[in-house]
């Protein structure tokens, strides 16, 4: 879920100055490692892959932080290791399940009106 959310949100920051700096840093690293004889199409594919990996890694951290803030605010509950027996990852060591609280449900139902 976290990876999907990161991928879904990553296009939103394309014009951000930090994103532009990251693109240039990745481009510089990949081209310096590849040398002058590298195929330009292969370089672009490698740059895209490296860029997406870094964005996903950074985004996962941001999503985790946001979820932790929602837990602290009392809008989500976090359950580990099969606390909820009906989820597909029950018993997994590091899998988490998030459920919205009744307060969050009420807030969401008011927003839908």
PDB file of N, CA and C in Angstrom:
ATOM      1  N   UNK A   1       0.816  -1.181   0.000  1.00  0.00           N
ATOM      2  CA  UNK A   1       0.000   0.000   0.000  1.00  0.00           C
ATOM      3  C   UNK A   1       0.870   1.259   0.000  1.00  0.00           C
ATOM      4  N   UNK A   2       1.912   1.215   0.833  1.00  0.00           N
ATOM      5  CA  UNK A   2       2.796   2.371   0.935  1.00  0.00           C
ATOM      6  C   UNK A   2       3.488   2.643  -0.399  1.00  0.00           C
ATOM      7  N   UNK A   3       3.965   1.595  -1.057  1.00  0.00           N
ATOM      8  CA  UNK A   3       4.625   1.780  -2.360  1.00  0.00           C
ATOM      9  C   UNK A   3       3.649   2.311  -3.403  1.00  0.00           C
ATOM     10  N   UNK A   4       2.421   1.778  -3.391  1.00  0.00           N
ATOM     11  CA  UNK A   4       1.420   2.249  -4.351  1.00  0.00           C
ATOM     12  C   UNK A   4       1.135   3.731  -4.127  1.00  0.00           C
ATOM     13  N   UNK A   5       0.951   4.121  -2.890  1.00  0.00           N
ATOM     14  CA  UNK A   5       0.669   5.522  -2.587  1.00  0.00           C
ATOM     15  C   UNK A   5       1.832   6.420  -3.008  1.00  0.00           C
ATOM     16  N   UNK A   6       3.045   5.981  -2.756  1.00  0.00           N
ATOM     17  CA  UNK A   6       4.225   6.757  -3.172  1.00  0.00           C
ATOM     18  C   UNK A   6       4.259   6.923  -4.684  1.00  0.00           C
ATOM     19  N   UNK A   7       4.010   5.856  -5.398  1.00  0.00           N
ATOM     20  CA  UNK A   7       4.013   5.925  -6.862  1.00  0.00           C
ATOM     21  C   UNK A   7       2.895   6.814  -7.375  1.00  0.00           C
ATOM     22  N   UNK A   8       1.741   6.728  -6.737  1.00  0.00           N
ATOM     23  CA  UNK A   8       0.603   7.537  -7.172  1.00  0.00           C
ATOM     24  C   UNK A   8       0.832   9.024  -6.921  1.00  0.00           C
ATOM     25  N   UNK A   9       1.527   9.351  -5.855  1.00  0.00           N
ATOM     26  CA  UNK A   9       1.750  10.749  -5.503  1.00  0.00           C
ATOM     27  C   UNK A   9       3.010  11.348  -6.131  1.00  0.00           C
ATOM     28  N   UNK A  10       3.937  10.536  -6.582  1.00  0.00           N
ATOM     29  CA  UNK A  10       5.213  11.054  -7.078  1.00  0.00           C
ATOM     30  C   UNK A  10       5.092  12.033  -8.244  1.00  0.00           C
ATOM     31  N   UNK A  11       4.154  11.893  -9.168  1.00  0.00           N
ATOM     32  CA  UNK A  11       4.061  12.887 -10.244  1.00  0.00           C
ATOM     33  C   UNK A  11       3.693  14.290  -9.764  1.00  0.00           C
ATOM     34  N   UNK A  12       3.130  14.400  -8.579  1.00  0.00           N
ATOM     35  CA  UNK A  12       2.713  15.704  -8.078  1.00  0.00           C
ATOM     36  C   UNK A  12       3.880  16.641  -7.794  1.00  0.00           C
ATOM     37  N   UNK A  13       5.052  16.100  -7.568  1.00  0.00           N
ATOM     38  CA  UNK A  13       6.188  16.925  -7.160  1.00  0.00           C
ATOM     39  C   UNK A  13       7.198  17.153  -8.285  1.00  0.00           C
ATOM     40  N   UNK A  14       6.805  16.952  -9.515  1.00  0.00           N
ATOM     41  CA  UNK A  14       7.765  17.046 -10.619  1.00  0.00           C
ATOM     42  C   UNK A  14       8.391  18.423 -10.771  1.00  0.00           C
ATOM     43  N   UNK A  15       7.689  19.483 -10.404  1.00  0.00           N
ATOM     44  CA  UNK A  15       8.237  20.823 -10.567  1.00  0.00           C
ATOM     45  C   UNK A  15       8.897  21.356  -9.308  1.00  0.00           C
ATOM     46  N   UNK A  16       8.893  20.589  -8.271  1.00  0.00           N
ATOM     47  CA  UNK A  16       9.507  20.990  -7.018  1.00  0.00           C
ATOM     48  C   UNK A  16      11.019  21.147  -7.215  1.00  0.00           C
ATOM     49  N   UNK A  17      11.604  22.188  -6.632  1.00  0.00           N
ATOM     50  CA  UNK A  17      13.036  22.434  -6.825  1.00  0.00           C
ATOM     51  C   UNK A  17      13.883  21.293  -6.265  1.00  0.00           C
ATOM     52  N   UNK A  18      13.417  20.645  -5.197  1.00  0.00           N
ATOM     53  CA  UNK A  18      14.160  19.498  -4.664  1.00  0.00           C
ATOM     54  C   UNK A  18      14.140  18.342  -5.650  1.00  0.00           C
ATOM     55  N   UNK A  19      13.008  18.154  -6.330  1.00  0.00           N
ATOM     56  CA  UNK A  19      12.918  17.082  -7.327  1.00  0.00           C
ATOM     57  C   UNK A  19      13.868  17.365  -8.482  1.00  0.00           C
ATOM     58  N   UNK A  20      13.919  18.601  -8.929  1.00  0.00           N
ATOM     59  CA  UNK A  20      14.820  18.955 -10.024  1.00  0.00           C
ATOM     60  C   UNK A  20      16.278  18.730  -9.628  1.00  0.00           C
ATOM     61  N   UNK A  21      16.625  19.058  -8.398  1.00  0.00           N
ATOM     62  CA  UNK A  21      17.997  18.816  -7.922  1.00  0.00           C
ATOM     63  C   UNK A  21      18.291  17.320  -7.855  1.00  0.00           C
ATOM     64  N   UNK A  22      17.308  16.530  -7.422  1.00  0.00           N
ATOM     65  CA  UNK A  22      17.480  15.080  -7.360  1.00  0.00           C
ATOM     66  C   UNK A  22      17.685  14.508  -8.756  1.00  0.00           C
ATOM     67  N   UNK A  23      16.906  14.982  -9.715  1.00  0.00           N
ATOM     68  CA  UNK A  23      17.045  14.506 -11.100  1.00  0.00           C
ATOM     69  C   UNK A  23      18.460  14.778 -11.606  1.00  0.00           C
ATOM     70  N   UNK A  24      18.946  15.973 -11.361  1.00  0.00           N
ATOM     71  CA  UNK A  24      20.298  16.325 -11.828  1.00  0.00           C
ATOM     72  C   UNK A  24      21.369  15.503 -11.121  1.00  0.00           C
ATOM     73  N   UNK A  25      21.199  15.253  -9.832  1.00  0.00           N
ATOM     74  CA  UNK A  25      22.171  14.449  -9.086  1.00  0.00           C
ATOM     75  C   UNK A  25      22.208  13.016  -9.610  1.00  0.00           C
ATOM     76  N   UNK A  26      21.030  12.429  -9.836  1.00  0.00           N
ATOM     77  CA  UNK A  26      20.964  11.058 -10.353  1.00  0.00           C
ATOM     78  C   UNK A  26      21.551  11.008 -11.759  1.00  0.00           C
ATOM     79  N   UNK A  27      21.206  11.975 -12.587  1.00  0.00           N
ATOM     80  CA  UNK A  27      21.728  12.030 -13.957  1.00  0.00           C
ATOM     81  C   UNK A  27      23.256  12.090 -13.933  1.00  0.00           C
ATOM     82  N   UNK A  28      23.802  12.924 -13.084  1.00  0.00           N
ATOM     83  CA  UNK A  28      25.255  13.075 -12.980  1.00  0.00           C
ATOM     84  C   UNK A  28      25.920  11.773 -12.527  1.00  0.00           C
ATOM     85  N   UNK A  29      25.340  11.126 -11.494  1.00  0.00           N
ATOM     86  CA  UNK A  29      25.900   9.866 -10.998  1.00  0.00           C
ATOM     87  C   UNK A  29      25.892   8.779 -12.066  1.00  0.00           C
ATOM     88  N   UNK A  30      24.757   8.620 -12.722  1.00  0.00           N
ATOM     89  CA  UNK A  30      24.614   7.540 -13.710  1.00  0.00           C
ATOM     90  C   UNK A  30      25.541   7.776 -14.900  1.00  0.00           C
ATOM     91  N   UNK A  31      25.592   8.987 -15.406  1.00  0.00           N
ATOM     92  CA  UNK A  31      26.444   9.253 -16.570  1.00  0.00           C
ATOM     93  C   UNK A  31      27.923   9.158 -16.226  1.00  0.00           C
ATOM     94  N   UNK A  32      28.314   9.552 -15.008  1.00  0.00           N
ATOM     95  CA  UNK A  32      29.730   9.437 -14.647  1.00  0.00           C
ATOM     96  C   UNK A  32      30.152   7.984 -14.497  1.00  0.00           C
ATOM     97  N   UNK A  33      29.252   7.135 -14.009  1.00  0.00           N
ATOM     98  CA  UNK A  33      29.568   5.708 -13.874  1.00  0.00           C
ATOM     99  C   UNK A  33      29.580   5.000 -15.226  1.00  0.00           C
ATOM    100  N   UNK A  34      28.727   5.445 -16.142  1.00  0.00           N
ATOM    101  CA  UNK A  34      28.565   4.749 -17.415  1.00  0.00           C
ATOM    102  C   UNK A  34      29.709   5.038 -18.389  1.00  0.00           C
ATOM    103  N   UNK A  35      30.241   6.219 -18.340  1.00  0.00           N
ATOM    104  CA  UNK A  35      31.294   6.568 -19.286  1.00  0.00           C
ATOM    105  C   UNK A  35      30.711   7.121 -20.576  1.00  0.00           C
ATOM    106  N   UNK A  36      31.580   7.458 -21.492  1.00  0.00           N
ATOM    107  CA  UNK A  36      31.170   8.132 -22.729  1.00  0.00           C
ATOM    108  C   UNK A  36      30.577   7.190 -23.771  1.00  0.00           C
ATOM    109  N   UNK A  37      30.900   5.908 -23.702  1.00  0.00           N
ATOM    110  CA  UNK A  37      30.470   4.970 -24.738  1.00  0.00           C
ATOM    111  C   UNK A  37      29.067   4.405 -24.490  1.00  0.00           C
ATOM    112  N   UNK A  38      28.423   4.832 -23.442  1.00  0.00           N
ATOM    113  CA  UNK A  38      27.114   4.264 -23.091  1.00  0.00           C
ATOM    114  C   UNK A  38      26.038   4.719 -24.075  1.00  0.00           C
ATOM    115  N   UNK A  39      25.075   3.832 -24.296  1.00  0.00           N
ATOM    116  CA  UNK A  39      23.939   4.132 -25.163  1.00  0.00           C
ATOM    117  C   UNK A  39      23.016   5.137 -24.458  1.00  0.00           C
ATOM    118  N   UNK A  40      22.659   6.240 -25.115  1.00  0.00           N
ATOM    119  CA  UNK A  40      21.808   7.258 -24.484  1.00  0.00           C
ATOM    120  C   UNK A  40      20.450   6.723 -24.007  1.00  0.00           C
ATOM    121  N   UNK A  41      19.874   5.784 -24.753  1.00  0.00           N
ATOM    122  CA  UNK A  41      18.582   5.207 -24.349  1.00  0.00           C
ATOM    123  C   UNK A  41      18.730   4.375 -23.078  1.00  0.00           C
ATOM    124  N   UNK A  42      19.829   3.611 -23.002  1.00  0.00           N
ATOM    125  CA  UNK A  42      20.083   2.836 -21.783  1.00  0.00           C
ATOM    126  C   UNK A  42      20.319   3.756 -20.592  1.00  0.00           C
ATOM    127  N   UNK A  43      21.026   4.856 -20.832  1.00  0.00           N
ATOM    128  CA  UNK A  43      21.265   5.825 -19.758  1.00  0.00           C
ATOM    129  C   UNK A  43      19.960   6.407 -19.234  1.00  0.00           C
ATOM    130  N   UNK A  44      19.076   6.779 -20.128  1.00  0.00           N
ATOM    131  CA  UNK A  44      17.789   7.349 -19.707  1.00  0.00           C
ATOM    132  C   UNK A  44      16.962   6.350 -18.916  1.00  0.00           C
ATOM    133  N   UNK A  45      16.983   5.095 -19.354  1.00  0.00           N
ATOM    134  CA  UNK A  45      16.256   4.056 -18.613  1.00  0.00           C
ATOM    135  C   UNK A  45      16.844   3.870 -17.213  1.00  0.00           C
ATOM    136  N   UNK A  46      18.168   3.873 -17.125  1.00  0.00           N
ATOM    137  CA  UNK A  46      18.831   3.721 -15.830  1.00  0.00           C
ATOM    138  C   UNK A  46      18.560   4.925 -14.931  1.00  0.00           C
ATOM    139  N   UNK A  47      18.584   6.114 -15.505  1.00  0.00           N
ATOM    140  CA  UNK A  47      18.286   7.329 -14.736  1.00  0.00           C
ATOM    141  C   UNK A  47      16.863   7.269 -14.204  1.00  0.00           C
ATOM    142  N   UNK A  48      15.923   6.895 -15.053  1.00  0.00           N
ATOM    143  CA  UNK A  48      14.521   6.780 -14.621  1.00  0.00           C
ATOM    144  C   UNK A  48      14.359   5.753 -13.505  1.00  0.00           C
ATOM    145  N   UNK A  49      15.027   4.612 -13.642  1.00  0.00           N
ATOM    146  CA  UNK A  49      14.920   3.554 -12.635  1.00  0.00           C
ATOM    147  C   UNK A  49      15.506   4.015 -11.299  1.00  0.00           C
ATOM    148  N   UNK A  50      16.689   4.630 -11.347  1.00  0.00           N
ATOM    149  CA  UNK A  50      17.326   5.119 -10.123  1.00  0.00           C
ATOM    150  C   UNK A  50      16.485   6.214  -9.462  1.00  0.00           C
ATOM    151  N   UNK A  51      15.951   7.097 -10.285  1.00  0.00           N
ATOM    152  CA  UNK A  51      15.135   8.189  -9.776  1.00  0.00           C
ATOM    153  C   UNK A  51      13.879   7.655  -9.092  1.00  0.00           C
ATOM    154  N   UNK A  52      13.197   6.722  -9.734  1.00  0.00           N
ATOM    155  CA  UNK A  52      11.988   6.148  -9.143  1.00  0.00           C
ATOM    156  C   UNK A  52      12.300   5.411  -7.849  1.00  0.00           C
ATOM    157  N   UNK A  53      13.430   4.709  -7.797  1.00  0.00           N
ATOM    158  CA  UNK A  53      13.805   3.999  -6.572  1.00  0.00           C
ATOM    159  C   UNK A  53      14.031   4.979  -5.421  1.00  0.00           C
ATOM    160  N   UNK A  54      14.708   6.080  -5.709  1.00  0.00           N
ATOM    161  CA  UNK A  54      14.951   7.075  -4.647  1.00  0.00           C
ATOM    162  C   UNK A  54      13.664   7.764  -4.216  1.00  0.00           C
ATOM    163  N   UNK A  55      12.816   8.066  -5.167  1.00  0.00           N
ATOM    164  CA  UNK A  55      11.542   8.720  -4.841  1.00  0.00           C
ATOM    165  C   UNK A  55      10.681   7.792  -3.991  1.00  0.00           C
ATOM    166  N   UNK A  56      10.633   6.528  -4.350  1.00  0.00           N
ATOM    167  CA  UNK A  56       9.841   5.555  -3.596  1.00  0.00           C
ATOM    168  C   UNK A  56      10.386   5.404  -2.182  1.00  0.00           C
ATOM    169  N   UNK A  57      11.705   5.312  -2.053  1.00  0.00           N
ATOM    170  CA  UNK A  57      12.322   5.171  -0.734  1.00  0.00           C
ATOM    171  C   UNK A  57      11.990   6.382   0.151  1.00  0.00           C
ATOM    172  N   UNK A  58      12.113   7.558  -0.417  1.00  0.00           N
ATOM    173  CA  UNK A  58      11.809   8.782   0.318  1.00  0.00           C
ATOM    174  C   UNK A  58      10.313   8.882   0.622  1.00  0.00           C
ATOM    175  N   UNK A  59       9.495   8.529  -0.356  1.00  0.00           N
ATOM    176  CA  UNK A  59       8.047   8.594  -0.183  1.00  0.00           C
ATOM    177  C   UNK A  59       7.537   7.634   0.872  1.00  0.00           C
ATOM    178  N   UNK A  60       8.134   6.456   0.933  1.00  0.00           N
ATOM    179  CA  UNK A  60       7.725   5.480   1.948  1.00  0.00           C
ATOM    180  C   UNK A  60       7.937   6.049   3.341  1.00  0.00           C
ATOM    181  N   UNK A  61       9.041   6.745   3.522  1.00  0.00           N
ATOM    182  CA  UNK A  61       9.313   7.374   4.816  1.00  0.00           C
ATOM    183  C   UNK A  61       8.270   8.440   5.121  1.00  0.00           C
ATOM    184  N   UNK A  62       7.935   9.234   4.128  1.00  0.00           N
ATOM    185  CA  UNK A  62       6.941  10.299   4.322  1.00  0.00           C
ATOM    186  C   UNK A  62       5.570   9.731   4.651  1.00  0.00           C
ATOM    187  N   UNK A  63       5.185   8.679   3.946  1.00  0.00           N
ATOM    188  CA  UNK A  63       3.886   8.049   4.212  1.00  0.00           C
ATOM    189  C   UNK A  63       3.873   7.471   5.622  1.00  0.00           C
ATOM    190  N   UNK A  64       4.949   6.826   6.032  1.00  0.00           N
ATOM    191  CA  UNK A  64       5.014   6.263   7.381  1.00  0.00           C
ATOM    192  C   UNK A  64       4.884   7.360   8.427  1.00  0.00           C
ATOM    193  N   UNK A  65       5.551   8.491   8.180  1.00  0.00           N
ATOM    194  CA  UNK A  65       5.456   9.613   9.109  1.00  0.00           C
ATOM    195  C   UNK A  65       4.029  10.140   9.177  1.00  0.00           C
ATOM    196  N   UNK A  66       3.373  10.261   8.027  1.00  0.00           N
ATOM    197  CA  UNK A  66       1.995  10.764   7.992  1.00  0.00           C
ATOM    198  C   UNK A  66       1.053   9.813   8.723  1.00  0.00           C
ATOM    199  N   UNK A  67       1.233   8.519   8.521  1.00  0.00           N
ATOM    200  CA  UNK A  67       0.389   7.538   9.203  1.00  0.00           C
ATOM    201  C   UNK A  67       0.624   7.611  10.709  1.00  0.00           C
ATOM    202  N   UNK A  68       1.867   7.758  11.122  1.00  0.00           N
ATOM    203  CA  UNK A  68       2.156   7.890  12.556  1.00  0.00           C
ATOM    204  C   UNK A  68       1.466   9.120  13.141  1.00  0.00           C
ATOM    205  N   UNK A  69       1.449  10.206  12.383  1.00  0.00           N
ATOM    206  CA  UNK A  69       0.756  11.413  12.844  1.00  0.00           C
ATOM    207  C   UNK A  69      -0.750  11.169  12.974  1.00  0.00           C
ATOM    208  N   UNK A  70      -1.331  10.435  12.027  1.00  0.00           N
ATOM    209  CA  UNK A  70      -2.757  10.116  12.105  1.00  0.00           C
ATOM    210  C   UNK A  70      -3.065   9.205  13.289  1.00  0.00           C
ATOM    211  N   UNK A  71      -2.133   8.296  13.606  1.00  0.00           N
ATOM    212  CA  UNK A  71      -2.304   7.433  14.781  1.00  0.00           C
ATOM    213  C   UNK A  71      -2.262   8.290  16.046  1.00  0.00           C
ATOM    214  N   UNK A  72      -1.283   9.210  16.111  1.00  0.00           N
ATOM    215  CA  UNK A  72      -1.180  10.097  17.281  1.00  0.00           C
ATOM    216  C   UNK A  72      -2.425  10.967  17.434  1.00  0.00           C
ATOM    217  N   UNK A  73      -3.021  11.368  16.312  1.00  0.00           N
ATOM    218  CA  UNK A  73      -4.217  12.208  16.357  1.00  0.00           C
ATOM    219  C   UNK A  73      -5.470  11.410  16.699  1.00  0.00           C
ATOM    220  N   UNK A  74      -5.349  10.096  16.750  1.00  0.00           N
ATOM    221  CA  UNK A  74      -6.491   9.265  17.103  1.00  0.00           C
ATOM    222  C   UNK A  74      -7.415   8.957  15.939  1.00  0.00           C
ATOM    223  N   UNK A  75      -6.946   9.169  14.711  1.00  0.00           N
ATOM    224  CA  UNK A  75      -7.790   8.904  13.542  1.00  0.00           C
ATOM    225  C   UNK A  75      -7.548   7.521  12.945  1.00  0.00           C
ATOM    226  N   UNK A  76      -6.406   6.916  13.264  1.00  0.00           N
ATOM    227  CA  UNK A  76      -6.081   5.560  12.810  1.00  0.00           C
ATOM    228  C   UNK A  76      -5.603   4.742  13.989  1.00  0.00           C
ATOM    229  N   UNK A  77      -5.761   3.424  13.859  1.00  0.00           N
ATOM    230  CA  UNK A  77      -5.152   2.494  14.807  1.00  0.00           C
ATOM    231  C   UNK A  77      -4.254   1.572  14.007  1.00  0.00           C
ATOM    232  N   UNK A  78      -3.113   1.259  14.574  1.00  0.00           N
ATOM    233  CA  UNK A  78      -2.127   0.387  13.932  1.00  0.00           C
ATOM    234  C   UNK A  78      -2.123  -0.939  14.683  1.00  0.00           C
ATOM    235  N   UNK A  79      -2.197  -2.033  13.937  1.00  0.00           N
ATOM    236  CA  UNK A  79      -2.209  -3.366  14.528  1.00  0.00           C
ATOM    237  C   UNK A  79      -1.123  -4.198  13.856  1.00  0.00           C
ATOM    238  N   UNK A  80      -0.400  -4.970  14.635  1.00  0.00           N
ATOM    239  CA  UNK A  80       0.676  -5.809  14.105  1.00  0.00           C
ATOM    240  C   UNK A  80       0.421  -7.279  14.357  1.00  0.00           C
ATOM    241  N   UNK A  81       1.073  -8.106  13.562  1.00  0.00           N
ATOM    242  CA  UNK A  81       1.176  -9.545  13.769  1.00  0.00           C
ATOM    243  C   UNK A  81      -0.147 -10.243  14.008  1.00  0.00           C
ATOM    244  N   UNK A  82      -1.099  -9.967  13.151  1.00  0.00           N
ATOM    245  CA  UNK A  82      -2.333 -10.722  13.201  1.00  0.00           C
ATOM    246  C   UNK A  82      -3.302 -10.308  14.281  1.00  0.00           C
ATOM    247  N   UNK A  83      -3.151  -9.101  14.796  1.00  0.00           N
ATOM    248  CA  UNK A  83      -4.110  -8.612  15.795  1.00  0.00           C
ATOM    249  C   UNK A  83      -5.515  -8.682  15.226  1.00  0.00           C
ATOM    250  N   UNK A  84      -5.658  -8.314  13.950  1.00  0.00           N
ATOM    251  CA  UNK A  84      -6.926  -8.478  13.245  1.00  0.00           C
ATOM    252  C   UNK A  84      -6.812  -9.780  12.460  1.00  0.00           C
ATOM    253  N   UNK A  85      -7.606 -10.752  12.786  1.00  0.00           N
ATOM    254  CA  UNK A  85      -7.435 -12.072  12.184  1.00  0.00           C
ATOM    255  C   UNK A  85      -7.945 -12.162  10.757  1.00  0.00           C
ATOM    256  N   UNK A  86      -8.645 -11.148  10.271  1.00  0.00           N
ATOM    257  CA  UNK A  86      -9.223 -11.256   8.940  1.00  0.00           C
ATOM    258  C   UNK A  86      -8.384 -10.585   7.851  1.00  0.00           C
ATOM    259  N   UNK A  87      -7.167 -10.161   8.149  1.00  0.00           N
ATOM    260  CA  UNK A  87      -6.371  -9.557   7.088  1.00  0.00           C
ATOM    261  C   UNK A  87      -5.408 -10.586   6.519  1.00  0.00           C
ATOM    262  N   UNK A  88      -5.011 -10.437   5.239  1.00  0.00           N
ATOM    263  CA  UNK A  88      -4.223 -11.465   4.566  1.00  0.00           C
ATOM    264  C   UNK A  88      -2.809 -11.625   5.107  1.00  0.00           C
ATOM    265  N   UNK A  89      -2.267 -10.663   5.841  1.00  0.00           N
ATOM    266  CA  UNK A  89      -0.895 -10.772   6.327  1.00  0.00           C
ATOM    267  C   UNK A  89      -0.816 -11.153   7.798  1.00  0.00           C
ATOM    268  N   UNK A  90      -1.872 -11.733   8.332  1.00  0.00           N
ATOM    269  CA  UNK A  90      -1.862 -12.038   9.760  1.00  0.00           C
ATOM    270  C   UNK A  90      -0.675 -12.949  10.092  1.00  0.00           C
ATOM    271  N   UNK A  91      -0.044 -12.634  11.204  1.00  0.00           N
ATOM    272  CA  UNK A  91       1.092 -13.423  11.653  1.00  0.00           C
ATOM    273  C   UNK A  91       2.423 -12.967  11.087  1.00  0.00           C
ATOM    274  N   UNK A  92       2.420 -12.044  10.136  1.00  0.00           N
ATOM    275  CA  UNK A  92       3.683 -11.568   9.576  1.00  0.00           C
ATOM    276  C   UNK A  92       4.428 -10.740  10.616  1.00  0.00           C
ATOM    277  N   UNK A  93       5.725 -10.787  10.567  1.00  0.00           N
ATOM    278  CA  UNK A  93       6.523 -10.121  11.591  1.00  0.00           C
ATOM    279  C   UNK A  93       6.470  -8.602  11.498  1.00  0.00           C
ATOM    280  N   UNK A  94       6.484  -8.018  10.300  1.00  0.00           N
ATOM    281  CA  UNK A  94       6.571  -6.576  10.191  1.00  0.00           C
ATOM    282  C   UNK A  94       5.406  -5.958   9.433  1.00  0.00           C
ATOM    283  N   UNK A  95       4.391  -6.719   9.148  1.00  0.00           N
ATOM    284  CA  UNK A  95       3.242  -6.171   8.438  1.00  0.00           C
ATOM    285  C   UNK A  95       2.342  -5.437   9.414  1.00  0.00           C
ATOM    286  N   UNK A  96       1.806  -4.337   8.970  1.00  0.00           N
ATOM    287  CA  UNK A  96       0.904  -3.555   9.810  1.00  0.00           C
ATOM    288  C   UNK A  96      -0.445  -3.446   9.129  1.00  0.00           C
ATOM    289  N   UNK A  97      -1.465  -3.368   9.936  1.00  0.00           N
ATOM    290  CA  UNK A  97      -2.821  -3.158   9.452  1.00  0.00           C
ATOM    291  C   UNK A  97      -3.315  -1.881  10.102  1.00  0.00           C
ATOM    292  N   UNK A  98      -3.921  -1.013   9.317  1.00  0.00           N
ATOM    293  CA  UNK A  98      -4.433   0.243   9.837  1.00  0.00           C
ATOM    294  C   UNK A  98      -5.945   0.247   9.708  1.00  0.00           C
ATOM    295  N   UNK A  99      -6.604   0.646  10.777  1.00  0.00           N
ATOM    296  CA  UNK A  99      -8.061   0.783  10.740  1.00  0.00           C
ATOM    297  C   UNK A  99      -8.408   2.191  11.192  1.00  0.00           C
ATOM    298  N   UNK A 100      -9.428   2.752  10.570  1.00  0.00           N
ATOM    299  CA  UNK A 100      -9.835   4.088  10.984  1.00  0.00           C
ATOM    300  C   UNK A 100     -10.675   3.992  12.254  1.00  0.00           C
ATOM    301  N   UNK A 101     -10.600   5.010  13.067  1.00  0.00           N
ATOM    302  CA  UNK A 101     -11.362   5.039  14.317  1.00  0.00           C
ATOM    303  C   UNK A 101     -12.785   5.509  14.029  1.00  0.00           C
ATOM    304  N   UNK A 102     -13.634   5.373  15.015  1.00  0.00           N
ATOM    305  CA  UNK A 102     -15.018   5.843  14.868  1.00  0.00           C
ATOM    306  C   UNK A 102     -15.050   7.351  14.630  1.00  0.00           C
ATOM    307  N   UNK A 103     -14.164   8.080  15.301  1.00  0.00           N
ATOM    308  CA  UNK A 103     -14.112   9.527  15.101  1.00  0.00           C
ATOM    309  C   UNK A 103     -13.784   9.860  13.642  1.00  0.00           C
ATOM    310  N   UNK A 104     -12.825   9.168  13.076  1.00  0.00           N
ATOM    311  CA  UNK A 104     -12.463   9.395  11.678  1.00  0.00           C
ATOM    312  C   UNK A 104     -13.628   9.037  10.758  1.00  0.00           C
ATOM    313  N   UNK A 105     -14.315   7.963  11.071  1.00  0.00           N
ATOM    314  CA  UNK A 105     -15.467   7.543  10.268  1.00  0.00           C
ATOM    315  C   UNK A 105     -16.548   8.636  10.272  1.00  0.00           C
ATOM    316  N   UNK A 106     -16.796   9.221  11.450  1.00  0.00           N
ATOM    317  CA  UNK A 106     -17.788  10.310  11.549  1.00  0.00           C
ATOM    318  C   UNK A 106     -17.340  11.518  10.743  1.00  0.00           C
ATOM    319  N   UNK A 107     -16.052  11.870  10.832  1.00  0.00           N
ATOM    320  CA  UNK A 107     -15.537  13.017  10.078  1.00  0.00           C
ATOM    321  C   UNK A 107     -15.694  12.778   8.570  1.00  0.00           C
ATOM    322  N   UNK A 108     -15.344  11.584   8.134  1.00  0.00           N
ATOM    323  CA  UNK A 108     -15.447  11.255   6.711  1.00  0.00           C
ATOM    324  C   UNK A 108     -16.895  11.245   6.239  1.00  0.00           C
ATOM    325  N   UNK A 109     -17.796  10.783   7.073  1.00  0.00           N
ATOM    326  CA  UNK A 109     -19.199  10.743   6.644  1.00  0.00           C
ATOM    327  C   UNK A 109     -19.777  12.159   6.564  1.00  0.00           C
ATOM    328  N   UNK A 110     -19.332  13.074   7.402  1.00  0.00           N
ATOM    329  CA  UNK A 110     -19.776  14.477   7.319  1.00  0.00           C
ATOM    330  C   UNK A 110     -19.219  15.135   6.073  1.00  0.00           C
ATOM    331  N   UNK A 111     -17.999  14.817   5.694  1.00  0.00           N
ATOM    332  CA  UNK A 111     -17.377  15.411   4.512  1.00  0.00           C
ATOM    333  C   UNK A 111     -18.063  14.960   3.234  1.00  0.00           C
ATOM    334  N   UNK A 112     -18.634  13.771   3.249  1.00  0.00           N
ATOM    335  CA  UNK A 112     -19.289  13.242   2.063  1.00  0.00           C
ATOM    336  C   UNK A 112     -20.649  13.853   1.769  1.00  0.00           C
ATOM    337  N   UNK A 113     -21.166  14.603   2.684  1.00  0.00           N
ATOM    338  CA  UNK A 113     -22.494  15.193   2.487  1.00  0.00           C
ATOM    339  C   UNK A 113     -22.464  16.397   1.613  1.00  0.00           C
TER     340      UNK A 113
END
